[in-house]
Amino acid sequence: TGQIYRKMNWLQAGFKNADKCVTVSVNYAKELVSGPAKGVELNKVLSAIGIEGIVNGMDPTEWNPAKDKFLDFPYDKTTVIEGKACAKQ
């Protein structure tokens, strides 16, 4: 008779050995641990070790051209054309 081999999940091994597990958004991290359908059978592992969602995109309070001290001509939505033209020089 043939031998029975145990199924190995390399992605699960990667999660278990990672220093930190992150994904593209906070909502997606919550979905992954919500159940086997969304977590693709890794939900229990991810719940046990933890997974964190990172904010997708930039922080508008940090990257605000109206308050940027490094711009010669800070601009907002009313002066965007002039401000971007000045920044390109």
C-alpha atoms as a PDB file:
ATOM      1  CA  THR A   1       0.000   0.000   0.000  1.00  0.00           C
ATOM      2  CA  GLY A   2       1.004   3.607  -0.541  1.00  0.00           C
ATOM      3  CA  GLN A   3       2.125   5.981   2.173  1.00  0.00           C
ATOM      4  CA  ILE A   4      -0.122   8.725   3.463  1.00  0.00           C
ATOM      5  CA  TYR A   5       1.599  12.091   3.570  1.00  0.00           C
ATOM      6  CA  ARG A   6       0.583  14.895   5.840  1.00  0.00           C
ATOM      7  CA  LYS A   7      -0.479  18.087   4.075  1.00  0.00           C
ATOM      8  CA  MET A   8       2.015  20.941   4.534  1.00  0.00           C
ATOM      9  CA  ASN A   9       1.047  24.590   4.163  1.00  0.00           C
ATOM     10  CA  TRP A  10       4.109  26.711   3.397  1.00  0.00           C
ATOM     11  CA  LEU A  11       2.195  29.969   3.825  1.00  0.00           C
ATOM     12  CA  GLN A  12       1.160  28.888   7.325  1.00  0.00           C
ATOM     13  CA  ALA A  13       4.796  28.092   8.120  1.00  0.00           C
ATOM     14  CA  GLY A  14       5.765  31.559   6.889  1.00  0.00           C
ATOM     15  CA  PHE A  15       3.158  33.245   9.108  1.00  0.00           C
ATOM     16  CA  LYS A  16       4.248  31.240  12.152  1.00  0.00           C
ATOM     17  CA  ASN A  17       7.900  32.169  11.649  1.00  0.00           C
ATOM     18  CA  ALA A  18       7.386  35.833  10.798  1.00  0.00           C
ATOM     19  CA  ASP A  19       8.363  38.577  13.219  1.00  0.00           C
ATOM     20  CA  LYS A  20       5.169  40.460  12.352  1.00  0.00           C
ATOM     21  CA  CYS A  21       2.272  39.783   9.971  1.00  0.00           C
ATOM     22  CA  VAL A  22       0.721  42.715   8.114  1.00  0.00           C
ATOM     23  CA  THR A  23      -1.777  43.137   5.323  1.00  0.00           C
ATOM     24  CA  VAL A  24      -2.975  45.952   3.053  1.00  0.00           C
ATOM     25  CA  SER A  25      -5.732  47.346   5.288  1.00  0.00           C
ATOM     26  CA  VAL A  26      -7.250  47.176   8.741  1.00  0.00           C
ATOM     27  CA  ASN A  27     -10.531  45.838   7.320  1.00  0.00           C
ATOM     28  CA  TYR A  28      -8.791  43.065   5.378  1.00  0.00           C
ATOM     29  CA  ALA A  29      -6.928  41.979   8.523  1.00  0.00           C
ATOM     30  CA  LYS A  30     -10.293  41.661  10.295  1.00  0.00           C
ATOM     31  CA  GLU A  31     -11.737  39.683   7.361  1.00  0.00           C
ATOM     32  CA  LEU A  32      -8.843  37.211   7.377  1.00  0.00           C
ATOM     33  CA  VAL A  33      -9.503  36.208  10.977  1.00  0.00           C
ATOM     34  CA  SER A  34     -13.306  36.193  10.632  1.00  0.00           C
ATOM     35  CA  GLY A  35     -13.613  32.588   9.451  1.00  0.00           C
ATOM     36  CA  PRO A  36     -12.281  29.854   7.159  1.00  0.00           C
ATOM     37  CA  ALA A  37     -14.033  31.233   4.066  1.00  0.00           C
ATOM     38  CA  LYS A  38     -12.286  34.603   4.237  1.00  0.00           C
ATOM     39  CA  GLY A  39      -9.118  33.392   5.956  1.00  0.00           C
ATOM     40  CA  VAL A  40      -8.610  30.558   3.454  1.00  0.00           C
ATOM     41  CA  GLU A  41      -8.278  28.076   6.323  1.00  0.00           C
ATOM     42  CA  LEU A  42      -5.565  30.181   7.962  1.00  0.00           C
ATOM     43  CA  ASN A  43      -7.932  32.173  10.157  1.00  0.00           C
ATOM     44  CA  LYS A  44      -7.128  30.218  13.328  1.00  0.00           C
ATOM     45  CA  VAL A  45      -3.391  30.594  12.805  1.00  0.00           C
ATOM     46  CA  LEU A  46      -3.714  34.313  12.075  1.00  0.00           C
ATOM     47  CA  SER A  47      -5.950  34.814  15.112  1.00  0.00           C
ATOM     48  CA  ALA A  48      -3.430  33.054  17.335  1.00  0.00           C
ATOM     49  CA  ILE A  49      -0.325  34.916  16.135  1.00  0.00           C
ATOM     50  CA  GLY A  50      -2.010  38.209  15.238  1.00  0.00           C
ATOM     51  CA  ILE A  51      -2.161  40.142  11.997  1.00  0.00           C
ATOM     52  CA  GLU A  52      -2.182  43.897  11.597  1.00  0.00           C
ATOM     53  CA  GLY A  53      -3.612  46.017   8.822  1.00  0.00           C
ATOM     54  CA  ILE A  54      -1.636  49.022   7.637  1.00  0.00           C
ATOM     55  CA  VAL A  55      -3.203  52.215   6.390  1.00  0.00           C
ATOM     56  CA  ASN A  56      -3.343  52.179   2.623  1.00  0.00           C
ATOM     57  CA  GLY A  57      -2.154  55.447   1.099  1.00  0.00           C
ATOM     58  CA  MET A  58      -0.738  58.580   2.623  1.00  0.00           C
ATOM     59  CA  ASP A  59      -1.634  60.484   5.756  1.00  0.00           C
ATOM     60  CA  PRO A  60      -3.180  63.776   4.600  1.00  0.00           C
ATOM     61  CA  THR A  61      -2.235  65.545   7.834  1.00  0.00           C
ATOM     62  CA  GLU A  62       1.436  64.701   7.350  1.00  0.00           C
ATOM     63  CA  TRP A  63       1.501  65.219   3.571  1.00  0.00           C
ATOM     64  CA  ASN A  64      -0.355  68.500   3.243  1.00  0.00           C
ATOM     65  CA  PRO A  65       1.035  70.930   0.634  1.00  0.00           C
ATOM     66  CA  ALA A  66      -0.732  73.838   2.336  1.00  0.00           C
ATOM     67  CA  LYS A  67       1.359  73.338   5.486  1.00  0.00           C
ATOM     68  CA  ASP A  68       4.575  71.914   4.004  1.00  0.00           C
ATOM     69  CA  LYS A  69       7.510  73.956   5.314  1.00  0.00           C
ATOM     70  CA  PHE A  70       9.783  72.674   2.534  1.00  0.00           C
ATOM     71  CA  LEU A  71       7.724  74.168  -0.297  1.00  0.00           C
ATOM     72  CA  ASP A  72       8.628  77.666  -1.499  1.00  0.00           C
ATOM     73  CA  PHE A  73       4.957  78.226  -2.329  1.00  0.00           C
ATOM     74  CA  PRO A  74       2.591  76.232  -0.105  1.00  0.00           C
ATOM     75  CA  TYR A  75      -0.691  75.629  -1.907  1.00  0.00           C
ATOM     76  CA  ASP A  76      -4.231  74.388  -1.412  1.00  0.00           C
ATOM     77  CA  LYS A  77      -7.125  73.554  -3.753  1.00  0.00           C
ATOM     78  CA  THR A  78      -7.560  77.198  -4.763  1.00  0.00           C
ATOM     79  CA  THR A  79      -3.863  77.745  -5.645  1.00  0.00           C
ATOM     80  CA  VAL A  80      -2.895  74.265  -6.832  1.00  0.00           C
ATOM     81  CA  ILE A  81      -1.954  75.347 -10.381  1.00  0.00           C
ATOM     82  CA  GLU A  82       0.401  78.070  -9.197  1.00  0.00           C
ATOM     83  CA  GLY A  83       1.784  75.951  -6.366  1.00  0.00           C
ATOM     84  CA  LYS A  84       2.596  72.929  -8.533  1.00  0.00           C
ATOM     85  CA  ALA A  85       4.122  75.171 -11.211  1.00  0.00           C
ATOM     86  CA  CYS A  86       6.369  76.758  -8.568  1.00  0.00           C
ATOM     87  CA  ALA A  87       7.362  73.357  -7.178  1.00  0.00           C
ATOM     88  CA  LYS A  88       8.457  72.151 -10.633  1.00  0.00           C
ATOM     89  CA  GLN A  89      10.943  75.011 -11.096  1.00  0.00           C
END
